[in-house]
């Protein structure tokens, strides 16, 4: 795997070595978290529209909190690839399938 990812690794991309199950769970968790973050800002956009607020200013202000960050706080459709819709649909059923 390190040969395949040699270029990103040289660009100081962090490498996490783990088992396959954890690797898959990391991928699912990352996609689900990203979908949640985008869904949240979309809900805030609706609230801003209803209340006369500015969602861009709201997102900029939230982005100052280092725990949240400004990345992916842009209202709009989730368009991060095919994995997001599949992840969003499967996520509620994951705990039952692991039991």
C-alpha atoms as a PDB file:
ATOM      1  CA  UNK A   1       0.000   0.000   0.000  1.00  0.00           C
ATOM      2  CA  UNK A   2       2.811   2.401   0.748  1.00  0.00           C
ATOM      3  CA  UNK A   3       4.019   2.080  -2.870  1.00  0.00           C
ATOM      4  CA  UNK A   4       0.564   2.977  -4.189  1.00  0.00           C
ATOM      5  CA  UNK A   5       0.342   6.031  -1.938  1.00  0.00           C
ATOM      6  CA  UNK A   6       3.993   7.070  -2.196  1.00  0.00           C
ATOM      7  CA  UNK A   7       3.272  10.512  -3.669  1.00  0.00           C
ATOM      8  CA  UNK A   8       0.658  11.609  -1.098  1.00  0.00           C
ATOM      9  CA  UNK A   9       2.853  10.250   1.693  1.00  0.00           C
ATOM     10  CA  UNK A  10       5.769  12.389   0.510  1.00  0.00           C
ATOM     11  CA  UNK A  11       3.426  15.393   0.627  1.00  0.00           C
ATOM     12  CA  UNK A  12       3.212  14.918   4.412  1.00  0.00           C
ATOM     13  CA  UNK A  13      -0.173  13.228   4.355  1.00  0.00           C
ATOM     14  CA  UNK A  14      -0.616  11.374   7.650  1.00  0.00           C
ATOM     15  CA  UNK A  15      -0.528   7.592   7.456  1.00  0.00           C
ATOM     16  CA  UNK A  16      -2.571   5.511   9.894  1.00  0.00           C
ATOM     17  CA  UNK A  17      -1.674   1.836  10.034  1.00  0.00           C
ATOM     18  CA  UNK A  18      -4.555  -0.322  11.196  1.00  0.00           C
ATOM     19  CA  UNK A  19      -6.500  -3.504  10.544  1.00  0.00           C
ATOM     20  CA  UNK A  20      -9.008  -3.768   7.675  1.00  0.00           C
ATOM     21  CA  UNK A  21     -12.098  -3.498   9.906  1.00  0.00           C
ATOM     22  CA  UNK A  22     -10.845  -0.283  11.514  1.00  0.00           C
ATOM     23  CA  UNK A  23      -9.847   1.060   8.112  1.00  0.00           C
ATOM     24  CA  UNK A  24     -13.358   0.533   6.749  1.00  0.00           C
ATOM     25  CA  UNK A  25     -14.904   2.073   9.874  1.00  0.00           C
ATOM     26  CA  UNK A  26     -12.627   5.115   9.541  1.00  0.00           C
ATOM     27  CA  UNK A  27     -13.828   5.584   5.948  1.00  0.00           C
ATOM     28  CA  UNK A  28     -17.502   5.211   6.921  1.00  0.00           C
ATOM     29  CA  UNK A  29     -17.125   7.517   9.941  1.00  0.00           C
ATOM     30  CA  UNK A  30     -15.340  10.206   7.911  1.00  0.00           C
ATOM     31  CA  UNK A  31     -18.014  10.161   5.203  1.00  0.00           C
ATOM     32  CA  UNK A  32     -20.840  10.186   7.762  1.00  0.00           C
ATOM     33  CA  UNK A  33     -19.254  13.067   9.687  1.00  0.00           C
ATOM     34  CA  UNK A  34     -18.801  15.088   6.507  1.00  0.00           C
ATOM     35  CA  UNK A  35     -22.422  14.436   5.474  1.00  0.00           C
ATOM     36  CA  UNK A  36     -23.535  15.517   8.967  1.00  0.00           C
ATOM     37  CA  UNK A  37     -21.533  18.741   8.770  1.00  0.00           C
ATOM     38  CA  UNK A  38     -22.991  19.613   5.359  1.00  0.00           C
ATOM     39  CA  UNK A  39     -26.517  18.666   6.459  1.00  0.00           C
ATOM     40  CA  UNK A  40     -26.116  20.888   9.521  1.00  0.00           C
ATOM     41  CA  UNK A  41     -25.108  23.964   7.534  1.00  0.00           C
ATOM     42  CA  UNK A  42     -27.968  23.309   5.099  1.00  0.00           C
ATOM     43  CA  UNK A  43     -30.395  23.305   8.043  1.00  0.00           C
ATOM     44  CA  UNK A  44     -28.824  26.530   9.301  1.00  0.00           C
ATOM     45  CA  UNK A  45     -29.240  28.028   5.815  1.00  0.00           C
ATOM     46  CA  UNK A  46     -32.963  27.301   5.995  1.00  0.00           C
ATOM     47  CA  UNK A  47     -33.146  28.907   9.426  1.00  0.00           C
ATOM     48  CA  UNK A  48     -31.227  31.951   8.167  1.00  0.00           C
ATOM     49  CA  UNK A  49     -33.564  32.265   5.215  1.00  0.00           C
ATOM     50  CA  UNK A  50     -36.609  32.106   7.493  1.00  0.00           C
ATOM     51  CA  UNK A  51     -35.174  34.530  10.064  1.00  0.00           C
ATOM     52  CA  UNK A  52     -33.433  36.900   7.659  1.00  0.00           C
ATOM     53  CA  UNK A  53     -29.932  35.844   8.688  1.00  0.00           C
ATOM     54  CA  UNK A  54     -26.779  35.459   6.602  1.00  0.00           C
ATOM     55  CA  UNK A  55     -25.633  31.826   6.391  1.00  0.00           C
ATOM     56  CA  UNK A  56     -22.225  32.773   4.968  1.00  0.00           C
ATOM     57  CA  UNK A  57     -21.525  35.089   7.896  1.00  0.00           C
ATOM     58  CA  UNK A  58     -22.844  32.410  10.266  1.00  0.00           C
ATOM     59  CA  UNK A  59     -20.515  29.795   8.718  1.00  0.00           C
ATOM     60  CA  UNK A  60     -17.562  32.185   8.852  1.00  0.00           C
ATOM     61  CA  UNK A  61     -18.228  32.846  12.545  1.00  0.00           C
ATOM     62  CA  UNK A  62     -18.558  29.108  13.307  1.00  0.00           C
ATOM     63  CA  UNK A  63     -15.351  28.497  11.371  1.00  0.00           C
ATOM     64  CA  UNK A  64     -13.381  30.557  13.886  1.00  0.00           C
ATOM     65  CA  UNK A  65     -13.953  27.797  16.424  1.00  0.00           C
ATOM     66  CA  UNK A  66     -11.011  25.454  15.829  1.00  0.00           C
ATOM     67  CA  UNK A  67     -13.090  22.475  16.958  1.00  0.00           C
ATOM     68  CA  UNK A  68     -15.494  23.110  14.071  1.00  0.00           C
ATOM     69  CA  UNK A  69     -13.402  24.715  11.322  1.00  0.00           C
ATOM     70  CA  UNK A  70     -14.674  26.505   8.221  1.00  0.00           C
ATOM     71  CA  UNK A  71     -14.113  23.695   5.732  1.00  0.00           C
ATOM     72  CA  UNK A  72     -17.285  22.086   4.378  1.00  0.00           C
ATOM     73  CA  UNK A  73     -19.555  24.657   6.024  1.00  0.00           C
ATOM     74  CA  UNK A  74     -20.967  25.713   2.674  1.00  0.00           C
ATOM     75  CA  UNK A  75     -24.691  25.340   2.172  1.00  0.00           C
ATOM     76  CA  UNK A  76     -25.707  23.312  -0.864  1.00  0.00           C
ATOM     77  CA  UNK A  77     -25.959  19.763  -2.084  1.00  0.00           C
ATOM     78  CA  UNK A  78     -23.671  17.054  -0.746  1.00  0.00           C
ATOM     79  CA  UNK A  79     -21.454  16.345  -3.716  1.00  0.00           C
ATOM     80  CA  UNK A  80     -18.471  14.575  -2.267  1.00  0.00           C
ATOM     81  CA  UNK A  81     -18.815  11.456  -4.373  1.00  0.00           C
ATOM     82  CA  UNK A  82     -20.923   8.344  -4.490  1.00  0.00           C
ATOM     83  CA  UNK A  83     -19.987   7.168  -0.992  1.00  0.00           C
ATOM     84  CA  UNK A  84     -21.917   9.863   0.892  1.00  0.00           C
ATOM     85  CA  UNK A  85     -25.470   8.844  -0.093  1.00  0.00           C
ATOM     86  CA  UNK A  86     -24.682   5.163   0.531  1.00  0.00           C
ATOM     87  CA  UNK A  87     -23.113   5.993   3.887  1.00  0.00           C
ATOM     88  CA  UNK A  88     -26.036   8.184   4.920  1.00  0.00           C
ATOM     89  CA  UNK A  89     -28.540   5.459   4.059  1.00  0.00           C
ATOM     90  CA  UNK A  90     -26.637   2.638   5.796  1.00  0.00           C
ATOM     91  CA  UNK A  91     -25.406   4.477   8.882  1.00  0.00           C
ATOM     92  CA  UNK A  92     -28.541   4.013  11.068  1.00  0.00           C
ATOM     93  CA  UNK A  93     -28.400   0.234  10.511  1.00  0.00           C
ATOM     94  CA  UNK A  94     -24.670  -0.239  11.171  1.00  0.00           C
ATOM     95  CA  UNK A  95     -24.888  -1.068  14.914  1.00  0.00           C
ATOM     96  CA  UNK A  96     -27.430  -3.848  14.275  1.00  0.00           C
ATOM     97  CA  UNK A  97     -25.312  -5.406  11.530  1.00  0.00           C
ATOM     98  CA  UNK A  98     -22.269  -5.515  13.854  1.00  0.00           C
ATOM     99  CA  UNK A  99     -24.101  -7.243  16.703  1.00  0.00           C
END
